[in-house]
Protein backbone atom coordinates (compact mmCIF):
# COMPACT_ATOMS: atom_id res chain seq x y z
CA MET A 1 71.53 25.50 -18.48
CA SER A 2 69.38 22.92 -16.41
CA THR A 3 65.75 21.75 -16.67
CA ASN A 4 63.32 20.48 -14.43
CA ALA A 5 61.76 17.82 -16.78
CA PRO A 6 60.39 14.67 -14.96
CA SER A 7 62.80 11.87 -14.90
CA THR A 8 61.79 8.48 -16.95
CA SER A 9 60.78 6.73 -13.44
CA THR A 10 58.68 9.78 -12.64
CA ILE A 11 56.64 9.10 -15.60
CA ASN A 12 56.28 5.19 -15.35
CA ARG A 13 55.24 5.78 -11.94
CA ARG A 14 52.60 8.16 -12.88
CA ALA A 15 51.40 6.18 -15.96
CA LEU A 16 51.27 2.84 -13.50
CA LEU A 17 49.07 5.06 -11.03
CA ILE A 18 46.68 6.30 -13.75
CA ALA A 19 46.70 2.75 -15.11
CA LEU A 20 45.96 1.42 -11.58
CA THR A 21 43.06 3.89 -10.85
CA VAL A 22 41.46 3.13 -13.91
CA VAL A 23 41.43 -0.55 -13.47
CA ALA A 24 39.86 0.06 -9.95
CA VAL A 25 37.20 2.45 -11.30
CA LEU A 26 36.45 -0.45 -14.06
CA LEU A 27 36.34 -2.89 -11.56
CA ALA A 28 34.17 -1.19 -9.06
CA THR A 29 31.80 -0.25 -11.74
CA VAL A 30 31.44 -4.23 -12.62
CA LEU A 31 30.76 -5.40 -9.13
CA VAL A 32 28.31 -2.63 -8.28
CA GLY A 33 26.60 -3.15 -11.39
CA GLY A 34 26.62 -7.13 -11.01
CA GLU A 35 25.37 -6.39 -7.33
CA ALA A 36 22.81 -4.62 -8.45
CA TYR A 37 21.53 -7.02 -11.13
CA ALA A 38 22.17 -10.07 -8.65
CA ARG A 39 19.93 -8.54 -6.04
CA HIS A 40 17.29 -7.69 -9.08
CA ARG A 41 17.36 -11.20 -9.93
CA VAL A 42 17.50 -13.02 -6.62
CA SER A 43 14.67 -10.51 -5.28
CA SER A 44 12.20 -11.18 -8.31
CA CYS A 45 12.85 -14.71 -7.89
CA ILE A 46 12.46 -14.94 -4.49
CA SER A 47 9.32 -12.56 -4.48
CA SER A 48 7.55 -14.54 -6.94
CA GLN A 49 7.69 -17.76 -5.33
CA PHE A 50 6.91 -16.05 -2.06
CA GLU A 51 3.86 -14.18 -3.34
CA LYS A 52 2.56 -17.74 -5.20
CA GLU A 53 2.32 -19.41 -1.62
CA MET A 54 0.97 -16.02 0.43
CA GLY A 55 -1.40 -14.81 -2.33
CA SER A 56 -0.51 -11.16 -2.00
CA LYS A 57 1.96 -8.65 -3.08
CA ILE A 58 4.97 -8.95 -0.68
CA ASP A 59 7.95 -6.37 0.31
CA VAL A 60 11.35 -8.56 0.54
CA SER A 61 14.59 -7.71 2.24
CA PHE A 62 17.56 -9.57 2.71
CA GLY A 63 20.61 -9.66 5.17
CA PRO A 64 23.77 -7.96 4.73
CA LYS A 65 25.27 -10.45 2.66
CA PRO A 66 26.12 -9.41 -1.14
CA MET A 67 23.86 -10.75 -3.80
CA LEU A 68 26.52 -11.00 -5.90
CA ILE A 69 27.94 -13.88 -3.54
CA THR A 70 24.56 -15.78 -3.42
CA TRP A 71 23.95 -15.52 -6.90
CA VAL A 72 26.94 -17.46 -7.52
CA ASP A 73 26.53 -19.68 -3.93
CA GLY A 74 22.86 -19.80 -3.75
CA LYS A 75 22.64 -19.39 0.31
CA VAL A 76 20.44 -16.55 1.47
CA PRO A 77 21.00 -16.33 5.23
CA SER A 78 17.99 -14.72 6.09
CA VAL A 79 14.93 -13.08 3.85
CA ARG A 80 12.50 -10.76 5.61
CA VAL A 81 8.81 -11.15 4.21
CA ASP A 82 6.25 -8.47 4.84
CA SER A 83 3.01 -8.56 3.55
CA ALA A 84 -0.10 -5.76 4.56
CA ASP A 85 -2.99 -7.82 3.01
CA THR A 86 -1.72 -11.64 3.01
CA LYS A 87 -4.88 -14.25 2.43
CA PHE A 88 -4.44 -17.41 4.47
CA GLY A 89 -7.42 -20.02 3.66
CA PRO A 90 -10.64 -17.65 3.60
CA ALA A 91 -9.22 -14.84 5.70
CA VAL A 92 -8.36 -11.54 3.96
CA GLY A 93 -6.86 -8.19 5.62
CA MET A 94 -4.16 -10.41 7.57
CA VAL A 95 -0.91 -8.50 8.21
CA VAL A 96 1.97 -10.93 8.17
CA HIS A 97 5.91 -10.00 9.01
CA SER A 98 7.64 -13.16 8.84
CA VAL A 99 11.54 -14.17 8.66
CA PHE A 100 12.90 -17.33 6.88
CA ARG A 101 16.18 -18.66 7.53
CA ASP A 102 18.90 -20.28 5.60
CA VAL A 103 17.28 -20.22 2.03
CA ASP A 104 18.91 -22.06 -0.66
CA VAL A 105 17.66 -20.32 -3.93
CA HIS A 106 19.26 -22.44 -6.37
CA ASP A 107 17.20 -25.85 -5.75
CA PRO A 108 16.16 -26.75 -9.75
CA ASN A 109 12.34 -27.55 -7.68
CA GLY A 110 11.94 -24.10 -6.04
CA ALA A 111 13.71 -22.38 -3.25
CA VAL A 112 14.28 -24.58 0.09
CA ILE A 113 13.51 -22.84 3.74
CA ASP A 114 15.66 -24.11 6.73
CA SER A 115 13.37 -22.54 9.60
CA SER A 116 11.00 -19.74 9.70
CA SER A 117 8.49 -17.55 11.86
CA ALA A 118 6.01 -14.98 11.40
CA ASP A 119 4.06 -12.59 13.41
CA VAL A 120 0.37 -12.10 12.27
CA THR A 121 -2.07 -9.37 12.64
CA TRP A 122 -5.71 -9.87 12.02
CA SER A 123 -7.71 -6.44 12.62
CA ASN A 124 -11.49 -6.69 13.72
CA GLU A 125 -12.19 -4.77 10.34
CA GLY A 126 -10.43 -7.66 8.49
CA ILE A 127 -12.46 -10.47 10.40
CA LYS A 128 -15.53 -8.60 9.26
CA GLU A 129 -14.60 -8.50 5.77
CA THR A 130 -13.68 -11.61 5.66
CA LEU A 131 -17.16 -13.45 7.34
CA GLY A 132 -18.71 -11.07 4.84
CA GLY A 133 -22.78 -10.18 5.38
CA MET A 134 -23.17 -12.88 8.25
CA VAL A 135 -21.87 -9.97 10.57
CA SER A 136 -22.69 -6.52 10.90
CA GLY A 137 -19.61 -5.62 13.30
CA VAL A 138 -16.68 -7.15 15.29
CA THR A 139 -15.00 -6.15 18.52
CA SER A 140 -12.66 -7.74 20.88
CA SER A 141 -11.25 -7.46 24.12
CA ALA A 142 -7.61 -8.66 25.41
CA SER A 143 -9.04 -8.92 28.93
CA THR A 144 -11.49 -11.38 28.14
CA GLY A 145 -9.70 -12.97 25.34
CA MET A 146 -12.81 -12.98 23.65
CA LEU A 147 -14.44 -11.48 20.25
CA THR A 148 -18.08 -10.09 20.08
CA LEU A 149 -19.51 -10.62 16.28
CA SER A 150 -22.52 -8.39 15.32
CA VAL A 151 -25.13 -10.78 13.81
CA LEU A 152 -28.45 -10.07 12.20
CA GLY A 153 -28.20 -6.88 11.79
CA GLY A 154 -26.89 -5.94 15.56
CA LEU A 155 -29.91 -7.79 17.09
CA ALA A 156 -27.74 -10.45 17.97
CA GLU A 157 -24.34 -11.24 19.36
CA LEU A 158 -22.04 -14.36 18.88
CA GLN A 159 -18.96 -14.59 21.46
CA LEU A 160 -15.93 -16.46 20.17
CA LYS A 161 -12.60 -17.22 21.85
CA PRO A 162 -9.83 -18.11 19.95
CA GLN A 163 -7.14 -20.68 21.79
CA LEU A 164 -4.17 -23.03 21.02
CA VAL A 165 -5.04 -26.38 21.54
CA ASN A 166 -2.07 -29.14 20.92
CA GLY A 167 -0.63 -26.96 18.28
CA VAL A 168 -3.83 -26.05 16.64
CA VAL A 169 -5.56 -22.96 16.82
CA GLU A 170 -9.42 -24.01 17.81
CA VAL A 171 -12.56 -21.42 17.97
CA GLU A 172 -14.78 -21.75 21.01
CA THR A 173 -18.23 -20.28 21.31
CA MET A 174 -18.79 -18.83 24.41
CA SER A 175 -22.37 -17.03 23.74
CA ALA A 176 -24.67 -16.97 21.23
CA GLU A 177 -28.01 -15.53 21.73
CA LEU A 178 -30.82 -13.50 20.03
CA LEU A 179 -33.10 -11.48 22.38
CA GLY A 180 -32.41 -13.88 25.08
CA PHE A 181 -33.13 -17.23 23.03
CA GLY A 182 -30.19 -19.28 20.99
CA LEU A 183 -29.45 -18.31 17.34
CA PRO A 184 -29.96 -20.97 14.72
CA ALA A 185 -26.93 -23.36 14.91
CA ASP A 186 -26.38 -23.40 11.36
CA LEU A 187 -25.53 -19.62 11.54
CA VAL A 188 -23.20 -19.87 14.29
CA GLN A 189 -21.59 -23.13 12.62
CA SER A 190 -21.21 -21.38 9.50
CA ILE A 191 -19.10 -18.14 11.18
CA VAL A 192 -17.21 -20.08 13.40
CA ASP A 193 -15.97 -22.53 10.59
CA ILE A 194 -14.76 -19.40 8.58
CA PHE A 195 -13.30 -18.21 11.41
CA THR A 196 -11.51 -21.44 12.47
CA GLU A 197 -10.18 -22.11 9.11
CA SER A 198 -8.79 -18.88 8.71
CA LEU A 199 -6.76 -19.12 11.80
CA GLN A 200 -5.68 -22.98 10.78
CA SER A 201 -4.79 -22.25 6.72
CA TYR A 202 -0.96 -21.23 6.94
CA PRO A 203 1.42 -21.64 4.06
CA LEU A 204 5.37 -22.69 3.65
CA GLY A 205 4.90 -25.32 6.52
CA LEU A 206 3.94 -22.48 9.26
CA THR A 207 2.52 -23.61 12.27
CA ALA A 208 0.76 -21.76 15.28
CA THR A 209 2.95 -21.46 18.46
CA GLU A 210 0.78 -18.54 20.46
CA VAL A 211 -2.81 -16.85 19.59
CA LYS A 212 -3.74 -14.08 21.61
CA VAL A 213 -7.10 -11.26 21.51
CA THR A 214 -6.12 -7.71 21.63
CA ASP A 215 -8.28 -4.68 21.72
CA SER A 216 -7.96 -4.36 17.79
CA GLY A 217 -8.19 -7.87 16.58
CA VAL A 218 -6.36 -11.13 17.09
CA GLU A 219 -2.59 -11.66 16.75
CA VAL A 220 -0.73 -15.28 15.89
CA LEU A 221 2.88 -16.78 15.96
CA LEU A 222 4.05 -18.93 13.68
CA ALA A 223 6.77 -21.38 13.21
CA GLY A 224 8.00 -23.27 10.60
CA GLY A 225 10.53 -25.96 9.66
CA ARG A 226 12.07 -27.18 6.50
CA THR A 227 10.38 -26.76 3.42
CA GLN A 228 10.32 -25.94 0.14
CA LEU A 229 8.82 -23.26 -2.25
CA GLU A 230 6.71 -23.89 -5.35
CA PRO A 231 8.35 -21.95 -8.58
CA ALA A 232 6.34 -19.31 -9.38
CA GLY A 233 6.47 -20.45 -13.25
CA ASN A 234 8.31 -22.66 -15.54
CA SER A 235 10.90 -24.35 -14.24
CA SER A 236 13.51 -21.96 -15.44
CA ASP A 237 11.91 -19.80 -12.55
CA ALA A 238 12.60 -22.34 -9.77
CA ARG A 239 16.91 -21.49 -9.77
CA CYS A 240 17.58 -18.02 -8.94
C-alpha cells in the first residue's frame, strides 16, 4: 500500500521557508524599532536645540530620509520647524514656518545648518501685546503699507511704515498726532524702538529679505546661510 507522506526535500523546503519568514519578521521588527528609536532621539535632540534658539515650543518634521540612517551618518537633508508663539527680541505672538537644509547633527559643538528660510507672520494683536500699555489698539492696511497704533487711550494715533533698507527692516514714523498736535517725542521713540527691534531680532543667522504690511499685521521673509546651533544642555546633548 502506498503512502502520501511528504518527501524529505519537501520538509526541508518548508523548514527553510519558515526559518526565512521568522528571520524576515525579526529583521523587520528590529528595523521598525530602530527607526522609531532613532526618530525619537534625533527629533528630541534637534527640537531642544531649536527651542533654545527660538524661545518657544516648536513642531519639527523631517524629510523622507530614514532617521536610522541619519542617526548613523548625522545628515538631515531638511528640517521643517513650525512655531505658533515665537519670541524674537521683544516681539511676542510671531508665527514662524521655517525650513533648515543640510543639517549635520553629529557636530560636537551643536547641529550645523547649511542654509535656511522662514516665513514670519506678526498679527496686529501680537504687536499690541508686544507694545503693552503704550497702545490700546493696532490696525494695518495692505494698500498703504502702514500700521495705525492707538495711543493715550485712543485719543491719539501713531502711523508707522516698516520697510527693508539695505537688508535691514527700518520703521518710519509717518504721522504722530494728538488732537492736531504732535505726540511726546519720548513716547513715539519708545514705541518705534520696540517695534523696530522686534523686526530686526532673528536667530540662527536669519536676516530679512522682504517685509510687507497686510490687513492683519506684518509678514517678513527670512533667509540664512551656514550657522551653528547652541547645544541645549550639556555637551552630550550636542551630538544627536
